[in-house]
Amino acid sequence: MHVSVALFTADLRLHDQPPLRAASDGSGHVVPLFVRDRAVDGAGFAAPNRLAFLADCLHDLDAGLRSRGGHLVLRSGDVVEEVCRVAAESDADEVHMASDVSAYARAREARLRRALEGGGRRLHVHDTVTTVVPPGEVTPASSDHFAVFTPYFRHWCDLRPRDVLAAPRTVRVPDGVGSEPLPDRSALTDLSPALARGGEAEGRRRLAAWLRGPVARYEDRHDDLAGDATSRLSPHLHFGTLSPVEVVHRARKAGGPGAESFVRQIAWRDFHRQVLAARPAASATDYRTRHDRWRSGRDAREDAAAWKAGRTGYPLVDAAMRQLLHEGWMHNRARLLTASFLTKTLYVDWRVGARHFLDLLVDGDVANNQMNWQWAAGTGTDSRPNRVLNPLAQARRYDPDGTYVRRWVPELKEVSGRAVHEPWKLPGAERSALDYPDPVVDLAEGLARFRRARGRE
């Protein structure tokens, strides 16, 4: 009896699942395996919000496998040790898994390959499972990766994504392979109150609803903070309950400027992954150093604490940070604004913000999170590294009537008109009646400090 192991990582789905399909097509029996990696948990990536979403995903994946005659095998520990143990228990001669781009994932893959080959087994690594275009598939003539998105996107669009794979009809798991109980989100604490549900079924439902109509308005409304007109599919792309290849095929089939604008955002995910694949140190160090001497004293720590709590005194910034606390998710425009505010207006190290986002974001992803933070801080791939997003100008443009602010900052819900964005200008009695802080910094002073730090003045 020929047995293969299909190792699930960030690809918790049955549809368009190359490792599972390859394992199923080439074997009589398959062990669908997920390993809770203790090293990843110990590095601080086991945030409650993501653990809850993961629990949903694993239950949904197990249910899908059971409907096809199989079940999910769950283990915890060192991934290499557990995969080798399962392969020995099932007498499997090959393991299939998806490629990944982080330095840790690549080192883990190399360790796993050596361990399996030492036992006479083979490791098959599949590309285009978590990306549409593999990192390194398109490169400029003078470098090993694209450092600017626009030329990357032109080349990305020239490549046709592979065909979408159907889910296997049956999955036969060999007897005698034990599994741990699946985790349950109800056992977790400190979750964001409005955390979304996970799982492939939920992801596919959301994608279908998105493509039935809202995507058509995406190009015009994607920056509308109050309109909440984005897909909210990022957690499902992060956990792989949706295939980015399938998403692109289906979006292009829907057609129209909105769909193409949405596909562009999928390309940004691939762009960040090819950057990190080429420069893995960029997850923790500046991609392009500006020789910053970030503020780090008591005042900086207090400013960062106010930013995290949504108490900076700038309503749009605070609304965004409170959305993050409540939902474990934040609108992309708000992510750019809050990151610019922390790194440039407050001049606090981008790693402080990136760590806070990873603590809360259900879609917290090393490539997207770290590289977007570096973009906002001006240490990454932004061609205008010293641009500063003014929260008042952003408010006038993307939340002109204050609906988004009033939704998330209830202290200001009775403030009328555009005064909601500048409550410090209210008359004395009205201002004193608000339980809302004064700004932690004057915008002009923050801008001048940043320009001095970057040698612009």
Protein backbone atom coordinates (compact mmCIF):
# COMPACT_ATOMS: atom_id res chain seq x y z
CA MET A 1 0.00 0.00 0.00
CA HIS A 2 1.45 3.34 -1.11
CA VAL A 3 1.03 6.10 1.49
CA SER A 4 1.76 9.84 1.27
CA VAL A 5 1.60 12.59 3.86
CA ALA A 6 -0.04 15.88 2.90
CA LEU A 7 1.39 18.45 5.32
CA PHE A 8 -0.92 21.45 5.70
CA THR A 9 0.67 24.77 6.66
CA ALA A 10 -0.85 28.06 5.50
CA ASP A 11 -3.15 26.24 3.06
CA LEU A 12 -6.04 24.98 5.18
CA ARG A 13 -8.43 24.04 2.38
CA LEU A 14 -9.52 21.23 0.10
CA HIS A 15 -10.18 23.22 -3.09
CA ASP A 16 -7.17 24.08 -5.25
CA GLN A 17 -4.82 22.30 -2.84
CA PRO A 18 -1.75 21.14 -4.83
CA PRO A 19 -0.03 19.18 -2.00
CA LEU A 20 -3.22 17.28 -1.12
CA ARG A 21 -4.09 16.61 -4.76
CA ALA A 22 -0.57 15.36 -5.54
CA ALA A 23 -0.57 13.14 -2.46
CA SER A 24 -4.03 11.79 -3.31
CA ASP A 25 -3.34 11.23 -7.00
CA GLY A 26 -0.12 9.36 -6.35
CA SER A 27 -1.15 7.20 -3.41
CA GLY A 28 -3.75 4.76 -2.26
CA HIS A 29 -3.77 6.34 1.19
CA VAL A 30 -3.06 9.86 2.43
CA VAL A 31 -2.36 11.25 5.90
CA PRO A 32 -3.69 14.85 5.99
CA LEU A 33 -1.45 16.33 8.70
CA PHE A 34 -1.27 19.65 10.53
CA VAL A 35 1.42 20.28 13.13
CA ARG A 36 1.08 22.98 15.76
CA ASP A 37 4.64 24.28 15.57
CA ARG A 38 5.87 25.03 19.09
CA ALA A 39 8.74 27.11 17.75
CA VAL A 40 6.28 29.42 15.99
CA ASP A 41 4.13 29.62 19.12
CA GLY A 42 7.18 30.39 21.22
CA ALA A 43 8.21 33.21 18.89
CA GLY A 44 5.02 35.09 19.77
CA PHE A 45 2.96 34.30 16.69
CA ALA A 46 0.35 32.31 18.60
CA ALA A 47 -1.81 35.38 19.22
CA PRO A 48 -5.29 34.60 20.62
CA ASN A 49 -7.14 36.01 17.61
CA ARG A 50 -5.18 33.87 15.16
CA LEU A 51 -5.43 30.80 17.38
CA ALA A 52 -9.23 31.17 17.41
CA PHE A 53 -9.39 31.58 13.65
CA LEU A 54 -7.03 28.62 13.27
CA ALA A 55 -9.29 26.47 15.46
CA ASP A 56 -12.23 27.28 13.17
CA CYS A 57 -10.12 26.43 10.12
CA LEU A 58 -8.98 23.08 11.50
CA HIS A 59 -12.52 22.05 12.45
CA ASP A 60 -13.79 23.01 9.00
CA LEU A 61 -10.92 21.20 7.28
CA ASP A 62 -11.56 18.07 9.35
CA ALA A 63 -15.26 18.22 8.48
CA GLY A 64 -14.46 18.51 4.77
CA LEU A 65 -12.08 15.57 4.94
CA ARG A 66 -14.62 13.46 6.86
CA SER A 67 -17.23 14.13 4.18
CA ARG A 68 -14.75 12.53 1.77
CA GLY A 69 -14.01 9.52 3.96
CA GLY A 70 -10.94 10.85 5.74
CA HIS A 71 -10.04 13.02 8.70
CA LEU A 72 -7.37 15.49 9.82
CA VAL A 73 -4.42 14.31 11.89
CA LEU A 74 -3.26 16.95 14.38
CA ARG A 75 0.07 16.90 16.19
CA SER A 76 1.99 19.44 18.28
CA GLY A 77 5.72 19.92 18.64
CA ASP A 78 8.70 20.27 16.34
CA VAL A 79 7.40 20.03 12.79
CA VAL A 80 10.31 17.98 11.50
CA GLU A 81 10.10 15.47 14.34
CA GLU A 82 6.33 15.11 14.10
CA VAL A 83 6.25 14.72 10.30
CA CYS A 84 8.94 12.06 10.46
CA ARG A 85 7.08 10.31 13.27
CA VAL A 86 3.81 10.29 11.31
CA ALA A 87 5.59 9.11 8.17
CA ALA A 88 7.08 6.22 10.14
CA GLU A 89 3.76 5.32 11.79
CA SER A 90 1.95 5.23 8.45
CA ASP A 91 4.87 3.78 6.49
CA ALA A 92 4.62 6.73 4.09
CA ASP A 93 7.38 7.13 1.54
CA GLU A 94 6.76 10.77 0.57
CA VAL A 95 5.56 14.06 2.02
CA HIS A 96 3.93 16.91 0.09
CA MET A 97 3.82 20.51 1.36
CA ALA A 98 3.60 24.12 0.17
CA SER A 99 6.60 26.39 -0.15
CA ASP A 100 6.93 29.45 2.09
CA VAL A 101 9.17 32.52 2.10
CA SER A 102 10.17 33.38 5.66
CA ALA A 103 13.68 32.54 6.81
CA TYR A 104 12.28 30.24 9.48
CA ALA A 105 10.01 28.39 7.05
CA ARG A 106 12.81 27.87 4.57
CA ALA A 107 15.16 26.57 7.26
CA ARG A 108 12.42 24.25 8.51
CA GLU A 109 11.88 22.94 4.99
CA ALA A 110 15.61 22.24 4.59
CA ARG A 111 15.68 20.40 7.94
CA LEU A 112 12.65 18.36 6.96
CA ARG A 113 14.15 17.41 3.61
CA ARG A 114 17.36 16.19 5.24
CA ALA A 115 15.48 14.23 7.90
CA LEU A 116 13.16 12.54 5.39
CA GLU A 117 15.91 11.71 2.93
CA GLY A 118 17.92 10.26 5.79
CA GLY A 119 15.05 7.83 6.33
CA GLY A 120 14.69 7.00 2.65
CA ARG A 121 11.67 9.25 2.08
CA ARG A 122 11.07 12.13 -0.33
CA LEU A 123 9.84 15.68 0.21
CA HIS A 124 7.85 17.37 -2.57
CA VAL A 125 7.47 21.15 -2.20
CA HIS A 126 4.74 22.85 -4.24
CA ASP A 127 4.75 26.48 -5.42
CA THR A 128 1.67 28.62 -6.17
CA VAL A 129 -0.18 27.35 -3.11
CA THR A 130 0.01 30.54 -1.06
CA THR A 131 0.90 32.81 -4.00
CA VAL A 132 -0.24 33.29 -7.59
CA VAL A 133 3.31 33.69 -8.90
CA PRO A 134 6.17 31.98 -7.03
CA PRO A 135 8.81 34.27 -5.52
CA GLY A 136 11.68 34.55 -7.99
CA GLU A 137 9.54 33.59 -10.99
CA VAL A 138 9.88 37.11 -12.38
CA THR A 139 13.00 39.19 -11.75
CA PRO A 140 14.54 42.31 -13.26
CA ALA A 141 17.74 42.01 -15.25
CA SER A 142 19.84 43.70 -12.58
CA SER A 143 18.60 42.06 -9.37
CA ASP A 144 17.19 38.92 -7.79
CA HIS A 145 13.87 40.62 -7.02
CA PHE A 146 11.74 43.65 -7.84
CA ALA A 147 12.06 46.50 -5.33
CA VAL A 148 9.28 48.59 -6.93
CA PHE A 149 5.74 47.31 -7.29
CA THR A 150 4.67 48.84 -10.62
CA PRO A 151 7.22 47.07 -12.87
CA TYR A 152 6.72 43.89 -10.86
CA PHE A 153 2.98 44.09 -11.47
CA ARG A 154 3.47 44.48 -15.23
CA HIS A 155 5.49 41.26 -15.34
CA TRP A 156 3.10 39.57 -12.91
CA CYS A 157 0.17 40.29 -15.23
CA ASP A 158 2.03 38.75 -18.19
CA LEU A 159 2.02 35.34 -16.49
CA ARG A 160 -1.10 33.20 -16.67
CA PRO A 161 -1.95 31.60 -13.33
CA ARG A 162 -2.03 27.82 -13.32
CA ASP A 163 -5.43 26.12 -13.61
CA VAL A 164 -7.51 25.67 -10.48
CA LEU A 165 -7.51 22.15 -9.04
CA ALA A 166 -10.71 20.46 -7.93
CA ALA A 167 -11.00 19.15 -4.40
CA PRO A 168 -10.38 15.39 -4.10
CA ARG A 169 -13.57 13.32 -4.11
CA THR A 170 -12.26 10.80 -1.59
CA VAL A 171 -9.49 10.80 0.97
CA ARG A 172 -8.48 7.46 2.46
CA VAL A 173 -6.43 7.68 5.65
CA PRO A 174 -4.49 4.60 6.78
CA ASP A 175 -5.38 3.04 10.12
CA GLY A 176 -3.22 3.43 13.19
CA VAL A 177 -2.21 7.11 12.91
CA GLY A 178 -3.19 8.87 16.11
CA SER A 179 -4.33 12.48 16.38
CA GLU A 180 -4.64 15.04 19.12
CA PRO A 181 -8.07 16.59 19.75
CA LEU A 182 -8.79 19.61 17.61
CA PRO A 183 -8.55 22.98 19.41
CA ASP A 184 -11.69 24.95 20.22
CA ARG A 185 -11.93 28.73 20.16
CA SER A 186 -14.22 28.64 23.20
CA ALA A 187 -11.21 27.69 25.33
CA LEU A 188 -9.37 30.90 24.39
CA THR A 189 -9.42 34.22 26.22
CA ASP A 190 -8.55 37.81 25.30
CA LEU A 191 -10.15 37.56 21.88
CA SER A 192 -11.34 40.60 19.98
CA PRO A 193 -15.12 40.74 20.60
CA ALA A 194 -16.08 40.87 16.91
CA LEU A 195 -13.49 38.43 15.60
CA ALA A 196 -14.53 36.87 12.27
CA ARG A 197 -15.17 33.16 11.87
CA GLY A 198 -12.60 31.03 10.07
CA GLY A 199 -12.74 28.00 7.80
CA GLU A 200 -12.87 27.21 4.10
CA ALA A 201 -16.66 27.11 3.97
CA GLU A 202 -16.85 30.63 5.41
CA GLY A 203 -14.09 31.86 3.11
CA ARG A 204 -15.81 30.52 0.01
CA ARG A 205 -19.11 31.99 1.12
CA ARG A 206 -17.49 35.41 1.57
CA LEU A 207 -15.72 35.21 -1.78
CA ALA A 208 -18.92 34.30 -3.62
CA ALA A 209 -20.83 37.15 -1.96
CA TRP A 210 -18.01 39.59 -2.76
CA LEU A 211 -17.89 38.64 -6.43
CA ARG A 212 -21.67 38.77 -6.84
CA GLY A 213 -21.69 42.55 -6.66
CA PRO A 214 -19.54 44.51 -4.19
CA VAL A 215 -16.32 43.95 -6.14
CA ALA A 216 -17.72 46.04 -8.99
CA ARG A 217 -17.51 49.12 -6.75
CA TYR A 218 -14.09 48.32 -5.34
CA GLU A 219 -12.04 50.65 -7.53
CA ASP A 220 -14.09 53.69 -6.49
CA ARG A 221 -14.80 52.78 -2.87
CA HIS A 222 -11.87 50.77 -1.53
CA ASP A 223 -10.60 53.76 0.50
CA ASP A 224 -14.03 54.65 1.90
CA LEU A 225 -13.44 54.00 5.60
CA ALA A 226 -17.05 54.25 6.70
CA GLY A 227 -18.34 52.32 3.69
CA ASP A 228 -16.43 49.18 4.66
CA ALA A 229 -16.23 48.37 0.95
CA THR A 230 -13.30 45.95 0.95
CA SER A 231 -13.51 42.18 0.66
CA ARG A 232 -12.34 41.25 4.19
CA LEU A 233 -10.81 38.14 2.64
CA SER A 234 -7.30 38.78 4.01
CA PRO A 235 -7.66 36.35 6.97
CA HIS A 236 -8.73 33.60 4.58
CA LEU A 237 -5.81 34.30 2.27
CA HIS A 238 -3.46 34.31 5.25
CA PHE A 239 -4.62 30.93 6.54
CA GLY A 240 -5.04 29.56 3.04
CA THR A 241 -8.73 28.74 3.36
CA LEU A 242 -8.93 30.48 0.00
CA SER A 243 -6.50 29.90 -2.85
CA PRO A 244 -5.08 33.15 -4.27
CA VAL A 245 -4.91 31.43 -7.67
CA GLU A 246 -8.61 30.63 -7.56
CA VAL A 247 -9.44 34.12 -6.26
CA VAL A 248 -7.66 35.72 -9.23
CA HIS A 249 -9.33 33.42 -11.76
CA ARG A 250 -12.77 34.08 -10.34
CA ALA A 251 -12.24 37.83 -10.00
CA ARG A 252 -11.09 38.11 -13.60
CA LYS A 253 -14.10 36.11 -14.68
CA ALA A 254 -16.31 38.62 -12.85
CA GLY A 255 -14.55 41.33 -14.86
CA GLY A 256 -14.64 45.09 -14.71
CA PRO A 257 -12.40 47.82 -13.27
CA GLY A 258 -13.32 46.87 -9.70
CA ALA A 259 -12.24 43.29 -10.16
CA GLU A 260 -8.96 44.33 -11.77
CA SER A 261 -8.28 46.74 -8.93
CA PHE A 262 -8.95 43.90 -6.50
CA VAL A 263 -6.58 41.58 -8.40
CA ARG A 264 -3.91 44.25 -8.06
CA GLN A 265 -4.16 43.87 -4.29
CA ILE A 266 -3.56 40.14 -4.62
CA ALA A 267 -0.44 40.98 -6.61
CA TRP A 268 0.78 43.13 -3.71
CA ARG A 269 0.78 39.97 -1.55
CA ASP A 270 3.01 38.23 -4.09
CA PHE A 271 5.22 41.32 -4.34
CA HIS A 272 5.88 41.36 -0.61
CA ARG A 273 6.63 37.65 -0.62
CA GLN A 274 9.20 37.94 -3.39
CA VAL A 275 10.86 40.80 -1.48
CA LEU A 276 11.02 38.78 1.74
CA ALA A 277 12.16 35.65 -0.07
CA ALA A 278 15.10 37.60 -1.48
CA ARG A 279 15.78 39.57 1.71
CA PRO A 280 14.61 37.42 4.65
CA ALA A 281 16.31 39.73 7.18
CA ALA A 282 13.75 42.41 6.27
CA SER A 283 11.28 40.79 8.64
CA ALA A 284 13.26 42.35 11.50
CA THR A 285 15.73 44.86 10.03
CA ASP A 286 15.42 47.81 7.67
CA TYR A 287 15.15 46.84 4.02
CA ARG A 288 16.69 50.23 3.22
CA THR A 289 18.16 51.90 6.22
CA ARG A 290 17.54 55.59 6.81
CA HIS A 291 19.83 55.52 9.85
CA ASP A 292 16.93 56.37 12.10
CA ARG A 293 17.47 56.99 15.79
CA TRP A 294 13.95 56.16 16.87
CA ARG A 295 12.59 57.68 20.07
CA SER A 296 12.75 55.11 22.87
CA GLY A 297 12.50 56.91 26.20
CA ARG A 298 9.59 57.27 28.59
CA ASP A 299 7.76 59.84 26.47
CA ALA A 300 8.03 57.59 23.42
CA ARG A 301 6.70 54.62 25.37
CA GLU A 302 3.76 56.68 26.63
CA ASP A 303 3.01 57.90 23.10
CA ALA A 304 3.13 54.33 21.79
CA ALA A 305 0.80 53.20 24.60
CA ALA A 306 -1.68 55.95 23.69
CA TRP A 307 -1.48 54.87 20.05
CA LYS A 308 -2.17 51.22 20.94
CA ALA A 309 -5.14 52.17 23.11
CA GLY A 310 -6.68 54.54 20.55
CA ARG A 311 -6.13 57.58 22.78
CA THR A 312 -3.81 59.78 20.72
CA GLY A 313 -6.28 62.66 20.50
CA TYR A 314 -6.48 62.31 16.71
CA PRO A 315 -9.93 60.79 16.10
CA LEU A 316 -9.24 59.00 12.81
CA VAL A 317 -6.10 57.36 14.20
CA ASP A 318 -7.94 56.36 17.37
CA ALA A 319 -10.93 55.01 15.46
CA ALA A 320 -8.67 52.74 13.44
CA MET A 321 -6.79 51.45 16.48
CA ARG A 322 -10.07 50.72 18.27
CA GLN A 323 -11.36 48.84 15.24
CA LEU A 324 -8.24 46.69 15.47
CA LEU A 325 -8.87 45.98 19.16
CA HIS A 326 -12.54 45.14 18.57
CA GLU A 327 -12.33 43.11 15.36
CA GLY A 328 -8.75 41.87 15.10
CA TRP A 329 -8.80 43.50 11.67
CA MET A 330 -8.34 46.98 10.25
CA HIS A 331 -9.16 48.68 6.97
CA ASN A 332 -6.09 48.95 4.70
CA ARG A 333 -6.28 52.74 4.42
CA ALA A 334 -6.41 52.90 8.21
CA ARG A 335 -3.37 50.62 8.46
CA LEU A 336 -1.36 53.00 6.31
CA LEU A 337 -2.46 56.02 8.33
CA THR A 338 -1.83 54.54 11.77
CA ALA A 339 1.57 53.21 10.69
CA SER A 340 2.59 56.58 9.28
CA PHE A 341 1.41 58.29 12.45
CA LEU A 342 3.45 56.02 14.75
CA THR A 343 6.64 55.99 12.71
CA LYS A 344 6.71 59.51 11.32
CA THR A 345 4.53 61.77 13.44
CA LEU A 346 5.53 60.11 16.74
CA TYR A 347 8.87 58.84 15.37
CA VAL A 348 8.61 55.46 17.09
CA ASP A 349 10.35 52.38 15.66
CA TRP A 350 8.26 50.55 13.06
CA ARG A 351 8.97 47.25 14.84
CA VAL A 352 6.91 48.44 17.82
CA GLY A 353 3.90 48.90 15.57
CA ALA A 354 4.50 45.74 13.57
CA ARG A 355 4.64 43.69 16.77
CA HIS A 356 1.38 45.23 18.03
CA PHE A 357 -0.36 44.47 14.75
CA LEU A 358 0.87 40.87 14.87
CA ASP A 359 -0.48 40.59 18.41
CA LEU A 360 -4.00 41.42 17.21
CA LEU A 361 -4.45 40.99 13.47
CA VAL A 362 -6.18 37.76 12.52
CA ASP A 363 -4.50 38.15 9.12
CA GLY A 364 -1.13 38.87 10.75
CA ASP A 365 1.37 37.75 8.14
CA VAL A 366 5.14 38.20 8.33
CA ALA A 367 5.59 39.21 4.69
CA ASN A 368 2.62 41.56 4.36
CA ASN A 369 2.75 42.98 7.86
CA GLN A 370 6.48 43.65 8.08
CA MET A 371 6.89 44.90 4.53
CA ASN A 372 3.84 47.17 4.75
CA TRP A 373 5.16 48.60 8.00
CA GLN A 374 8.51 49.22 6.37
CA TRP A 375 6.75 50.86 3.42
CA ALA A 376 4.92 53.20 5.81
CA ALA A 377 8.07 53.92 7.81
CA GLY A 378 10.06 54.76 4.68
CA THR A 379 12.57 51.98 5.31
CA GLY A 380 11.00 49.63 2.77
CA THR A 381 10.07 49.78 -0.90
CA ASP A 382 8.21 53.11 -0.97
CA SER A 383 9.72 55.33 -3.67
CA ARG A 384 8.82 58.37 -1.51
CA PRO A 385 10.25 57.28 1.85
CA ASN A 386 9.70 60.62 3.58
CA ARG A 387 6.03 61.07 2.80
CA VAL A 388 3.90 61.67 5.90
CA LEU A 389 0.17 60.99 5.99
CA ASN A 390 -1.57 63.83 7.78
CA PRO A 391 -4.48 62.40 9.83
CA LEU A 392 -6.60 65.53 9.32
CA ALA A 393 -6.12 65.53 5.56
CA GLN A 394 -6.82 61.78 5.49
CA ALA A 395 -9.98 62.33 7.52
CA ARG A 396 -11.27 65.02 5.17
CA ARG A 397 -10.66 62.76 2.19
CA TYR A 398 -11.68 59.31 3.44
CA ASP A 399 -14.14 60.03 6.27
CA PRO A 400 -15.50 63.46 5.35
CA ASP A 401 -18.66 63.33 7.48
CA GLY A 402 -17.03 61.54 10.43
CA THR A 403 -19.12 58.37 10.20
CA TYR A 404 -16.13 56.07 10.71
CA VAL A 405 -14.89 58.09 13.68
CA ARG A 406 -18.28 58.16 15.38
CA ARG A 407 -18.63 54.41 14.89
CA TRP A 408 -15.44 53.65 16.79
CA VAL A 409 -14.97 56.63 19.12
CA PRO A 410 -18.26 56.89 21.02
CA GLU A 411 -16.98 59.85 23.06
CA LEU A 412 -17.37 61.90 19.89
CA LYS A 413 -20.66 60.52 18.57
CA GLU A 414 -22.58 63.68 19.50
CA VAL A 415 -20.05 66.05 17.96
CA SER A 416 -21.55 67.54 14.83
CA GLY A 417 -20.02 68.16 11.45
CA ARG A 418 -16.33 68.09 10.73
CA ALA A 419 -15.52 69.19 14.26
CA VAL A 420 -15.48 65.48 15.05
CA HIS A 421 -12.01 65.34 13.47
CA GLU A 422 -10.67 68.32 15.49
CA PRO A 423 -12.46 68.19 18.86
CA TRP A 424 -9.78 70.33 20.51
CA LYS A 425 -11.18 73.29 18.57
CA LEU A 426 -14.62 73.03 20.20
CA PRO A 427 -15.73 75.81 22.56
CA GLY A 428 -14.50 75.40 26.13
CA ALA A 429 -17.67 73.96 27.68
CA GLU A 430 -18.22 71.49 24.87
CA ARG A 431 -14.58 70.43 24.88
CA SER A 432 -14.43 69.92 28.63
CA ALA A 433 -17.55 67.74 28.51
CA LEU A 434 -15.83 65.19 26.27
CA ASP A 435 -14.00 62.26 27.81
CA TYR A 436 -11.42 62.44 25.07
CA PRO A 437 -7.69 63.29 25.28
CA ASP A 438 -5.85 66.23 23.83
CA PRO A 439 -3.48 65.40 20.96
CA VAL A 440 -0.29 63.69 22.08
CA VAL A 441 1.70 65.81 19.65
CA ASP A 442 1.18 68.85 17.48
CA LEU A 443 1.24 67.72 13.86
CA ALA A 444 3.58 70.51 12.77
CA GLU A 445 5.99 69.70 15.58
CA GLY A 446 5.89 66.00 14.76
CA LEU A 447 6.57 66.70 11.10
CA ALA A 448 9.48 69.01 11.93
CA ARG A 449 10.98 66.39 14.28
CA PHE A 450 10.74 63.72 11.59
CA ARG A 451 12.33 65.92 8.96
CA ARG A 452 15.20 66.76 11.28
CA ALA A 453 15.70 63.07 12.01
CA ARG A 454 15.78 62.20 8.33
CA GLY A 455 18.03 65.15 7.51
CA ARG A 456 15.35 66.97 5.55
CA GLU A 457 15.83 70.25 7.41
